[in-house]
């Protein structure tokens, strides 16, 4: 046990998306290697790092609230993340002039250097040997799943988004580094890899799809998915744009190499609105491709996000979106009303949609999607699905099927009263689904003698 009198302790608040969570994990890993102890309360921390989110106004307010709380409870605060640049950084300075340091997204060295400056590392590190830290580093997710970030930044210039301004253009990690990290995570017990980036489909474009001679694979999404599919765990693709080469990944899903799950942010269906958003605009062709994907892989699950009430959206545009949604019959959908983000070019567009109309459209959209979701889940009643357990209680466990990403999708509630031994998080088992509602499934374990 280390001498607590000489230990230096760091607390972390991580806000926003999984990509920011990975940044927080890397910061904490660096600090732990430098001998800092990681603590979970303001009172125990010598300094608190707040990793902010600046994607929309509500996220910015949540970040400011977290900074204010940390300052009030601790007083020594280092701020990083998506609010760490430009006018947002000024906003933080005005609200809390005593903040020690402010840096932007993914500026990991700046954060570590600031911690060193204001809370110097212990003279004798509490953890002087890197091999005492798990090979996978510090993880802020449960032990059985982990986010695998393959790139940062984005080459798109969507009019409603300021991510390129915060995180820069696309920078893909070398393929060998991604595969090595994935193998380390699997060796540590991770059962599910969640592949994340700003644009997973564009992986490797900045490296001109460079060939890795040792692996015999190119730096592109298909080759990455192929390699990850050999690791024997669930592999889930997030933030996929519907480029034509996505078609080549669907057979891997049909073969069971990676999960038959695609997270594609379609955002709208009206070509006119998509053009105002500066996104690909041929949604009719997208419907054809979704149909073709399902013919190759009938069990494919698609989740997406949409924006209603975008500047200039007419009732005709919105009805086009509803018609598209009814035909696409996506499995999991999130919807947001448009809100201006400081620095986004969409702020200059004419014909803003009144808030009351935005809310009306959101309710109509969600009513339709809830009906679709409920119908699709009813189709799973009677099926036997593999479920990965996230939480376990004496008479019930809660897990997810291949159709459900953590935090954002539905759950599978498992009646475990007939089991001799309680389930544990990270266990996988077969579950017969006997009931469904609009978002979740309910079932019971299937024993070997019940299988045909």
Protein backbone atom coordinates (compact mmCIF):
# COMPACT_ATOMS: atom_id res chain seq x y z
CA UNK A 1 0.00 0.00 0.00
CA UNK A 2 1.35 3.43 -0.95
CA UNK A 3 2.14 6.14 1.57
CA UNK A 4 -0.94 8.35 1.31
CA UNK A 5 0.92 11.30 2.78
CA UNK A 6 3.10 11.47 -0.31
CA UNK A 7 0.48 10.46 -2.85
CA UNK A 8 -1.05 12.96 -5.25
CA UNK A 9 -4.67 12.46 -6.17
CA UNK A 10 -6.65 13.42 -9.27
CA UNK A 11 -10.40 13.42 -9.84
CA UNK A 12 -12.05 13.38 -13.26
CA UNK A 13 -15.44 14.45 -14.59
CA UNK A 14 -15.97 13.24 -18.14
CA UNK A 15 -18.90 14.67 -20.10
CA UNK A 16 -20.18 14.21 -23.63
CA UNK A 17 -19.77 11.46 -26.19
CA UNK A 18 -17.80 8.18 -26.06
CA UNK A 19 -15.00 9.83 -28.05
CA UNK A 20 -14.49 12.26 -25.18
CA UNK A 21 -14.65 9.36 -22.72
CA UNK A 22 -11.73 7.72 -24.53
CA UNK A 23 -9.78 10.99 -24.21
CA UNK A 24 -10.49 10.93 -20.46
CA UNK A 25 -9.29 7.32 -20.22
CA UNK A 26 -6.03 8.25 -21.94
CA UNK A 27 -5.48 11.24 -19.67
CA UNK A 28 -6.05 9.11 -16.56
CA UNK A 29 -3.77 6.36 -17.87
CA UNK A 30 -0.94 8.88 -18.39
CA UNK A 31 -1.46 10.34 -14.93
CA UNK A 32 -1.56 6.95 -13.22
CA UNK A 33 1.70 6.00 -14.93
CA UNK A 34 3.15 9.22 -13.50
CA UNK A 35 2.26 8.03 -10.01
CA UNK A 36 -1.00 9.85 -9.35
CA UNK A 37 -3.85 8.13 -7.55
CA UNK A 38 -7.27 8.40 -9.14
CA UNK A 39 -10.11 9.26 -6.75
CA UNK A 40 -13.87 9.58 -7.04
CA UNK A 41 -14.70 12.52 -4.78
CA UNK A 42 -13.95 16.23 -4.68
CA UNK A 43 -12.81 16.01 -1.06
CA UNK A 44 -10.11 13.41 -1.79
CA UNK A 45 -8.72 15.09 -4.92
CA UNK A 46 -5.74 17.47 -5.03
CA UNK A 47 -7.00 18.63 -8.44
CA UNK A 48 -10.08 17.92 -10.57
CA UNK A 49 -10.03 17.59 -14.37
CA UNK A 50 -13.29 18.41 -16.17
CA UNK A 51 -13.54 17.12 -19.75
CA UNK A 52 -16.26 19.28 -21.31
CA UNK A 53 -18.77 18.84 -24.14
CA UNK A 54 -19.65 21.76 -26.40
CA UNK A 55 -21.80 20.12 -29.06
CA UNK A 56 -25.11 21.85 -28.25
CA UNK A 57 -26.16 24.55 -25.79
CA UNK A 58 -27.58 22.12 -23.23
CA UNK A 59 -24.28 20.21 -23.24
CA UNK A 60 -22.37 23.46 -22.74
CA UNK A 61 -24.58 24.33 -19.77
CA UNK A 62 -24.01 20.91 -18.26
CA UNK A 63 -20.25 21.46 -18.65
CA UNK A 64 -20.40 24.90 -17.04
CA UNK A 65 -22.46 23.49 -14.17
CA UNK A 66 -19.86 20.74 -13.64
CA UNK A 67 -17.02 23.30 -13.61
CA UNK A 68 -18.90 25.50 -11.13
CA UNK A 69 -19.59 22.52 -8.88
CA UNK A 70 -15.97 21.36 -8.98
CA UNK A 71 -14.71 24.86 -8.21
CA UNK A 72 -17.10 25.21 -5.27
CA UNK A 73 -16.27 21.78 -3.84
CA UNK A 74 -12.54 21.61 -4.57
CA UNK A 75 -11.19 24.91 -5.94
CA UNK A 76 -8.39 23.45 -8.07
CA UNK A 77 -9.84 22.68 -11.50
CA UNK A 78 -8.28 21.99 -14.91
CA UNK A 79 -10.67 22.21 -17.87
CA UNK A 80 -10.26 20.43 -21.20
CA UNK A 81 -12.42 19.17 -24.06
CA UNK A 82 -14.70 20.64 -26.67
CA UNK A 83 -15.39 23.87 -24.75
CA UNK A 84 -11.70 24.56 -24.37
CA UNK A 85 -11.29 26.77 -27.46
CA UNK A 86 -12.47 30.16 -28.72
CA UNK A 87 -15.49 31.90 -27.26
CA UNK A 88 -16.41 28.90 -25.10
CA UNK A 89 -13.06 29.11 -23.34
CA UNK A 90 -13.73 32.82 -22.74
CA UNK A 91 -17.14 31.90 -21.30
CA UNK A 92 -15.44 29.58 -18.84
CA UNK A 93 -12.89 32.23 -17.90
CA UNK A 94 -15.64 34.78 -17.25
CA UNK A 95 -17.63 32.34 -15.12
CA UNK A 96 -14.63 30.98 -13.22
CA UNK A 97 -11.51 33.17 -13.52
CA UNK A 98 -9.67 30.96 -11.01
CA UNK A 99 -9.70 27.87 -13.24
CA UNK A 100 -6.08 26.69 -13.43
CA UNK A 101 -5.87 25.73 -17.10
CA UNK A 102 -8.08 25.41 -20.19
CA UNK A 103 -7.25 23.24 -23.22
CA UNK A 104 -9.13 21.94 -26.23
CA UNK A 105 -10.40 18.52 -27.25
CA UNK A 106 -7.89 15.66 -27.39
CA UNK A 107 -5.05 17.89 -26.09
CA UNK A 108 -3.93 15.18 -23.71
CA UNK A 109 -0.36 16.37 -23.17
CA UNK A 110 -1.57 19.86 -22.24
CA UNK A 111 -3.81 18.41 -19.54
CA UNK A 112 -1.09 16.18 -18.12
CA UNK A 113 1.40 19.07 -18.15
CA UNK A 114 -1.10 21.29 -16.31
CA UNK A 115 -1.61 18.64 -13.64
CA UNK A 116 2.18 18.37 -13.26
CA UNK A 117 2.47 22.15 -12.93
CA UNK A 118 -0.19 22.63 -10.26
CA UNK A 119 0.13 19.30 -8.44
CA UNK A 120 3.67 18.02 -9.06
CA UNK A 121 3.93 14.23 -9.23
CA UNK A 122 5.16 12.48 -6.08
CA UNK A 123 8.93 12.31 -5.71
CA UNK A 124 8.62 8.56 -5.36
CA UNK A 125 5.84 7.50 -7.66
CA UNK A 126 3.15 5.37 -6.05
CA UNK A 127 3.18 3.23 -9.21
CA UNK A 128 6.75 3.47 -10.56
CA UNK A 129 6.49 0.43 -12.81
CA UNK A 130 4.29 0.59 -15.93
CA UNK A 131 3.61 -3.14 -15.72
CA UNK A 132 1.64 -2.56 -12.52
CA UNK A 133 -0.96 -0.71 -14.62
CA UNK A 134 -3.27 -3.00 -16.61
CA UNK A 135 -2.16 -3.33 -20.23
CA UNK A 136 -5.40 -1.80 -21.44
CA UNK A 137 -4.84 1.29 -19.31
CA UNK A 138 -7.52 3.02 -17.26
CA UNK A 139 -11.05 2.25 -18.46
CA UNK A 140 -14.17 4.20 -17.47
CA UNK A 141 -16.53 1.61 -18.93
CA UNK A 142 -17.53 -1.70 -17.29
CA UNK A 143 -14.91 -4.43 -17.72
CA UNK A 144 -16.84 -6.33 -20.38
CA UNK A 145 -17.07 -3.61 -23.04
CA UNK A 146 -14.81 -0.83 -24.27
CA UNK A 147 -14.77 1.95 -26.84
CA UNK A 148 -12.15 1.62 -29.57
CA UNK A 149 -11.45 5.03 -31.10
CA UNK A 150 -10.02 4.66 -34.60
CA UNK A 151 -9.72 8.31 -35.62
CA UNK A 152 -10.41 11.85 -34.53
CA UNK A 153 -11.68 14.93 -36.33
CA UNK A 154 -13.90 15.13 -39.40
CA UNK A 155 -13.61 16.27 -43.02
CA UNK A 156 -17.32 17.11 -43.35
CA UNK A 157 -18.58 20.64 -42.92
CA UNK A 158 -22.20 20.04 -41.92
CA UNK A 159 -23.85 23.41 -41.43
CA UNK A 160 -25.28 22.55 -37.98
CA UNK A 161 -22.03 21.14 -36.54
CA UNK A 162 -18.82 22.68 -35.20
CA UNK A 163 -16.91 19.47 -34.47
CA UNK A 164 -14.24 20.16 -37.15
CA UNK A 165 -13.62 23.53 -35.49
CA UNK A 166 -13.18 21.80 -32.14
CA UNK A 167 -11.38 18.62 -33.20
CA UNK A 168 -9.91 19.45 -36.61
CA UNK A 169 -9.88 17.41 -39.81
CA UNK A 170 -9.89 13.63 -39.89
CA UNK A 171 -6.77 11.96 -38.46
CA UNK A 172 -6.84 8.15 -38.62
CA UNK A 173 -4.81 6.02 -36.23
CA UNK A 174 -2.41 3.52 -37.81
CA UNK A 175 -4.15 0.20 -38.43
CA UNK A 176 -1.55 -1.77 -36.47
CA UNK A 177 -2.09 0.45 -33.41
CA UNK A 178 -5.86 -0.04 -33.52
CA UNK A 179 -5.58 -3.81 -33.91
CA UNK A 180 -2.98 -4.03 -31.12
CA UNK A 181 -5.24 -2.07 -28.75
CA UNK A 182 -8.22 -4.25 -29.67
CA UNK A 183 -6.26 -7.43 -28.91
CA UNK A 184 -5.09 -6.03 -25.58
CA UNK A 185 -8.67 -5.19 -24.63
CA UNK A 186 -9.89 -8.65 -25.58
CA UNK A 187 -7.04 -10.24 -23.62
CA UNK A 188 -8.14 -8.20 -20.59
CA UNK A 189 -11.64 -9.70 -20.73
CA UNK A 190 -13.54 -7.25 -22.93
CA UNK A 191 -16.44 -9.01 -24.64
CA UNK A 192 -17.61 -6.13 -26.84
CA UNK A 193 -15.65 -3.57 -28.85
CA UNK A 194 -17.53 -0.42 -29.80
CA UNK A 195 -15.77 1.17 -32.77
CA UNK A 196 -16.08 4.95 -32.62
CA UNK A 197 -14.84 8.05 -34.44
CA UNK A 198 -16.41 11.14 -35.99
CA UNK A 199 -16.75 9.29 -39.31
CA UNK A 200 -15.97 5.57 -39.17
CA UNK A 201 -16.61 5.07 -42.90
CA UNK A 202 -13.83 7.55 -43.74
CA UNK A 203 -11.21 5.66 -41.72
CA UNK A 204 -7.89 5.75 -43.57
CA UNK A 205 -8.78 8.29 -46.24
CA UNK A 206 -6.22 10.73 -44.81
CA UNK A 207 -3.60 7.95 -44.97
CA UNK A 208 -4.58 7.16 -48.56
CA UNK A 209 -5.64 3.69 -47.36
CA UNK A 210 -2.01 2.82 -46.65
CA UNK A 211 -1.14 -0.88 -46.79
CA UNK A 212 0.23 -2.38 -43.57
CA UNK A 213 2.78 -4.88 -44.86
CA UNK A 214 2.94 -6.83 -41.60
CA UNK A 215 -0.81 -7.29 -41.39
CA UNK A 216 -1.40 -7.54 -45.13
CA UNK A 217 -4.34 -5.15 -44.71
CA UNK A 218 -5.14 -1.64 -45.89
CA UNK A 219 -6.02 1.22 -43.57
CA UNK A 220 -9.74 1.26 -44.39
CA UNK A 221 -13.00 0.34 -42.67
CA UNK A 222 -13.48 -3.00 -44.44
CA UNK A 223 -10.01 -4.32 -43.60
CA UNK A 224 -10.31 -3.07 -40.02
CA UNK A 225 -13.70 -4.77 -39.60
CA UNK A 226 -12.26 -7.96 -41.10
CA UNK A 227 -9.38 -8.01 -38.61
CA UNK A 228 -11.59 -7.18 -35.62
CA UNK A 229 -14.00 -9.90 -36.71
CA UNK A 230 -11.30 -12.51 -36.06
CA UNK A 231 -11.02 -11.67 -32.34
CA UNK A 232 -14.05 -13.70 -31.24
CA UNK A 233 -15.95 -10.87 -29.49
CA UNK A 234 -18.83 -8.59 -30.38
CA UNK A 235 -17.73 -5.79 -32.72
CA UNK A 236 -20.17 -2.88 -33.11
CA UNK A 237 -19.74 -0.07 -35.66
CA UNK A 238 -20.80 3.45 -34.70
CA UNK A 239 -20.92 6.79 -36.60
CA UNK A 240 -21.01 5.23 -40.06
CA UNK A 241 -21.81 7.46 -43.04
CA UNK A 242 -23.65 5.58 -45.84
CA UNK A 243 -20.82 5.71 -48.39
CA UNK A 244 -20.96 3.05 -51.15
CA UNK A 245 -18.09 1.05 -49.64
CA UNK A 246 -20.23 0.35 -46.55
CA UNK A 247 -21.95 -2.25 -48.77
CA UNK A 248 -18.82 -4.40 -48.55
CA UNK A 249 -19.08 -4.67 -44.75
CA UNK A 250 -22.59 -6.17 -44.78
CA UNK A 251 -21.41 -9.70 -45.79
CA UNK A 252 -19.15 -9.73 -42.69
CA UNK A 253 -22.30 -9.15 -40.64
CA UNK A 254 -24.19 -11.90 -42.47
CA UNK A 255 -21.31 -14.30 -41.75
CA UNK A 256 -21.36 -13.46 -38.03
CA UNK A 257 -17.89 -11.88 -38.07
CA UNK A 258 -19.11 -8.55 -36.69
CA UNK A 259 -22.47 -7.57 -35.22
CA UNK A 260 -25.24 -6.91 -37.76
CA UNK A 261 -25.63 -3.37 -36.43
CA UNK A 262 -25.06 -0.02 -38.10
CA UNK A 263 -25.24 3.39 -36.43
CA UNK A 264 -25.84 5.84 -39.31
CA UNK A 265 -26.76 9.50 -38.61
CA UNK A 266 -29.13 10.12 -41.56
CA UNK A 267 -30.37 13.44 -40.03
CA UNK A 268 -33.16 14.03 -42.59
CA UNK A 269 -34.77 12.75 -45.79
CA UNK A 270 -35.67 15.88 -47.74
CA UNK A 271 -33.00 16.51 -50.41
CA UNK A 272 -33.51 20.24 -50.00
CA UNK A 273 -32.94 20.16 -46.24
CA UNK A 274 -30.00 17.78 -46.59
CA UNK A 275 -28.45 20.26 -49.00
CA UNK A 276 -28.94 23.06 -46.46
CA UNK A 277 -27.34 20.78 -43.89
CA UNK A 278 -24.47 20.15 -46.37
CA UNK A 279 -24.98 16.40 -46.19
CA UNK A 280 -25.41 13.75 -48.92
CA UNK A 281 -28.86 14.30 -50.38
CA UNK A 282 -30.11 11.22 -52.28
CA UNK A 283 -32.27 9.52 -49.66
CA UNK A 284 -34.27 7.58 -52.26
CA UNK A 285 -31.07 5.78 -53.20
CA UNK A 286 -30.38 5.23 -49.49
CA UNK A 287 -33.71 3.40 -49.17
CA UNK A 288 -32.65 1.12 -52.02
CA UNK A 289 -29.36 0.40 -50.29
CA UNK A 290 -31.03 -0.35 -46.95
CA UNK A 291 -33.27 -2.83 -48.77
CA UNK A 292 -30.22 -4.43 -50.43
CA UNK A 293 -28.39 -4.63 -47.07
CA UNK A 294 -31.36 -6.41 -45.51
CA UNK A 295 -31.50 -8.89 -48.38
CA UNK A 296 -27.87 -9.83 -47.68
CA UNK A 297 -28.25 -9.70 -43.88
CA UNK A 298 -31.91 -10.00 -42.80
CA UNK A 299 -31.08 -9.59 -39.11
CA UNK A 300 -29.41 -6.19 -39.68
CA UNK A 301 -30.33 -3.54 -37.12
CA UNK A 302 -30.00 0.14 -38.04
CA UNK A 303 -30.03 3.00 -35.56
CA UNK A 304 -29.97 6.65 -36.54
CA UNK A 305 -30.48 10.24 -35.46
CA UNK A 306 -32.54 12.98 -37.06
CA UNK A 307 -33.07 16.73 -36.70
CA UNK A 308 -36.53 18.27 -37.10
CA UNK A 309 -37.28 21.97 -37.31
CA UNK A 310 -34.09 22.80 -39.22
CA UNK A 311 -34.12 26.36 -40.65
CA UNK A 312 -36.24 26.42 -43.81
CA UNK A 313 -37.94 23.06 -43.12
CA UNK A 314 -41.48 23.20 -44.51
CA UNK A 315 -44.40 20.91 -43.73
CA UNK A 316 -43.73 19.27 -47.09
CA UNK A 317 -40.10 18.59 -46.11
CA UNK A 318 -41.22 17.16 -42.79
CA UNK A 319 -43.86 14.94 -44.40
CA UNK A 320 -41.16 13.65 -46.74
CA UNK A 321 -39.16 12.68 -43.64
CA UNK A 322 -42.14 10.86 -42.12
CA UNK A 323 -42.79 8.99 -45.38
CA UNK A 324 -39.13 8.01 -45.57
CA UNK A 325 -39.15 6.83 -41.97
CA UNK A 326 -42.26 4.73 -42.56
CA UNK A 327 -40.59 3.03 -45.51
CA UNK A 328 -37.12 2.65 -43.97
CA UNK A 329 -38.49 1.12 -40.74
CA UNK A 330 -35.32 1.72 -38.76
CA UNK A 331 -34.89 -0.20 -35.52
CA UNK A 332 -33.53 2.49 -33.19
CA UNK A 333 -33.98 6.21 -33.71
CA UNK A 334 -33.15 9.38 -31.83
CA UNK A 335 -34.63 12.73 -32.79
CA UNK A 336 -33.72 16.28 -31.80
CA UNK A 337 -35.29 19.63 -32.47
CA UNK A 338 -32.85 22.01 -34.13
CA UNK A 339 -31.05 24.41 -31.84
CA UNK A 340 -28.41 26.90 -33.01
CA UNK A 341 -24.83 26.23 -31.96
CA UNK A 342 -22.44 29.16 -31.74
CA UNK A 343 -20.10 29.11 -34.73
CA UNK A 344 -22.29 26.89 -36.93
CA UNK A 345 -23.04 28.23 -40.42
CA UNK A 346 -26.68 27.10 -40.15
CA UNK A 347 -27.23 30.04 -37.81
CA UNK A 348 -27.19 32.32 -40.87
CA UNK A 349 -29.93 30.42 -42.73
CA UNK A 350 -33.26 32.18 -43.24
CA UNK A 351 -36.74 30.99 -42.20
CA UNK A 352 -36.19 29.61 -38.70
CA UNK A 353 -38.92 27.22 -37.60
CA UNK A 354 -40.89 28.44 -34.54
CA UNK A 355 -40.34 26.41 -31.40
CA UNK A 356 -44.00 25.35 -31.15
CA UNK A 357 -43.84 23.86 -34.65
CA UNK A 358 -40.53 22.18 -33.86
CA UNK A 359 -42.09 20.50 -30.81
CA UNK A 360 -45.17 19.44 -32.78
CA UNK A 361 -43.00 17.84 -35.47
CA UNK A 362 -40.83 16.13 -32.87
CA UNK A 363 -43.90 14.59 -31.24
CA UNK A 364 -45.30 13.40 -34.57
CA UNK A 365 -41.94 11.96 -35.57
CA UNK A 366 -41.48 10.12 -32.27
CA UNK A 367 -45.06 8.78 -32.31
CA UNK A 368 -44.43 7.19 -35.71
CA UNK A 369 -41.03 5.81 -34.73
CA UNK A 370 -42.34 4.44 -31.43
CA UNK A 371 -44.96 2.47 -33.39
CA UNK A 372 -42.29 1.14 -35.78
CA UNK A 373 -39.96 0.25 -32.91
CA UNK A 374 -42.72 -1.58 -31.02
CA UNK A 375 -43.66 -3.57 -34.13
CA UNK A 376 -40.06 -4.55 -34.82
CA UNK A 377 -39.52 -5.64 -31.23
CA UNK A 378 -42.72 -7.74 -31.31
CA UNK A 379 -41.14 -9.66 -34.19
CA UNK A 380 -38.45 -10.83 -31.74
CA UNK A 381 -40.96 -12.43 -29.36
CA UNK A 382 -40.38 -16.19 -29.46
CA UNK A 383 -36.81 -15.84 -30.73
CA UNK A 384 -33.73 -17.01 -28.85
CA UNK A 385 -31.09 -14.26 -28.68
CA UNK A 386 -27.60 -14.15 -27.28
CA UNK A 387 -27.52 -11.55 -24.50
CA UNK A 388 -24.53 -9.91 -22.82
CA UNK A 389 -25.24 -9.16 -19.16
CA UNK A 390 -24.63 -5.61 -17.91
CA UNK A 391 -26.28 -5.76 -14.46
CA UNK A 392 -27.28 -8.67 -12.23
CA UNK A 393 -29.74 -8.73 -9.34
CA UNK A 394 -30.97 -11.73 -7.28
CA UNK A 395 -34.02 -12.49 -9.46
CA UNK A 396 -33.33 -10.47 -12.59
CA UNK A 397 -30.46 -9.56 -14.87
CA UNK A 398 -30.34 -6.75 -17.40
CA UNK A 399 -28.41 -7.15 -20.60
CA UNK A 400 -28.29 -6.34 -24.28
CA UNK A 401 -28.65 -8.24 -27.51
CA UNK A 402 -26.70 -7.57 -30.70
CA UNK A 403 -29.34 -4.95 -31.49
CA UNK A 404 -28.55 -2.79 -28.46
CA UNK A 405 -25.57 -0.54 -27.88
CA UNK A 406 -24.91 0.49 -24.26
CA UNK A 407 -26.48 3.71 -22.99
CA UNK A 408 -28.37 4.56 -26.19
CA UNK A 409 -30.50 1.57 -27.19
CA UNK A 410 -32.89 -0.82 -25.48
CA UNK A 411 -32.32 -3.53 -22.88
CA UNK A 412 -33.17 -7.17 -22.36
CA UNK A 413 -34.65 -7.96 -18.93
CA UNK A 414 -33.93 -11.57 -17.95
CA UNK A 415 -35.94 -13.49 -15.35
CA UNK A 416 -33.24 -15.46 -13.49
CA UNK A 417 -35.32 -17.06 -10.74
CA UNK A 418 -34.85 -20.54 -12.24
CA UNK A 419 -31.06 -20.30 -12.34
CA UNK A 420 -28.97 -22.18 -9.78
CA UNK A 421 -26.19 -19.58 -9.84
CA UNK A 422 -26.60 -15.80 -10.18
CA UNK A 423 -25.40 -14.23 -13.41
CA UNK A 424 -22.45 -11.85 -13.46
CA UNK A 425 -21.82 -8.72 -15.59
CA UNK A 426 -19.96 -9.74 -18.75
CA UNK A 427 -21.55 -13.19 -18.98
CA UNK A 428 -23.22 -14.13 -22.24
CA UNK A 429 -26.21 -16.46 -22.40
CA UNK A 430 -29.10 -17.45 -24.64
CA UNK A 431 -32.45 -15.88 -23.77
CA UNK A 432 -35.88 -16.76 -25.15
CA UNK A 433 -37.85 -13.55 -25.64
CA UNK A 434 -41.43 -13.80 -24.36
CA UNK A 435 -42.51 -10.17 -24.24
CA UNK A 436 -41.67 -6.75 -25.71
CA UNK A 437 -42.72 -3.15 -25.26
CA UNK A 438 -41.84 -0.04 -27.30
CA UNK A 439 -38.14 -0.14 -26.42
CA UNK A 440 -37.16 -3.23 -24.42
CA UNK A 441 -37.36 -7.03 -24.48
CA UNK A 442 -38.19 -9.48 -21.67
CA UNK A 443 -37.25 -13.13 -21.50
CA UNK A 444 -35.79 -16.07 -19.63
CA UNK A 445 -32.61 -18.15 -19.95
CA UNK A 446 -32.61 -21.07 -22.37
CA UNK A 447 -31.07 -24.26 -21.04
CA UNK A 448 -29.14 -26.69 -23.24
CA UNK A 449 -31.87 -29.34 -23.14
CA UNK A 450 -34.39 -26.79 -24.45
CA UNK A 451 -32.50 -26.19 -27.68
CA UNK A 452 -33.50 -28.17 -30.73
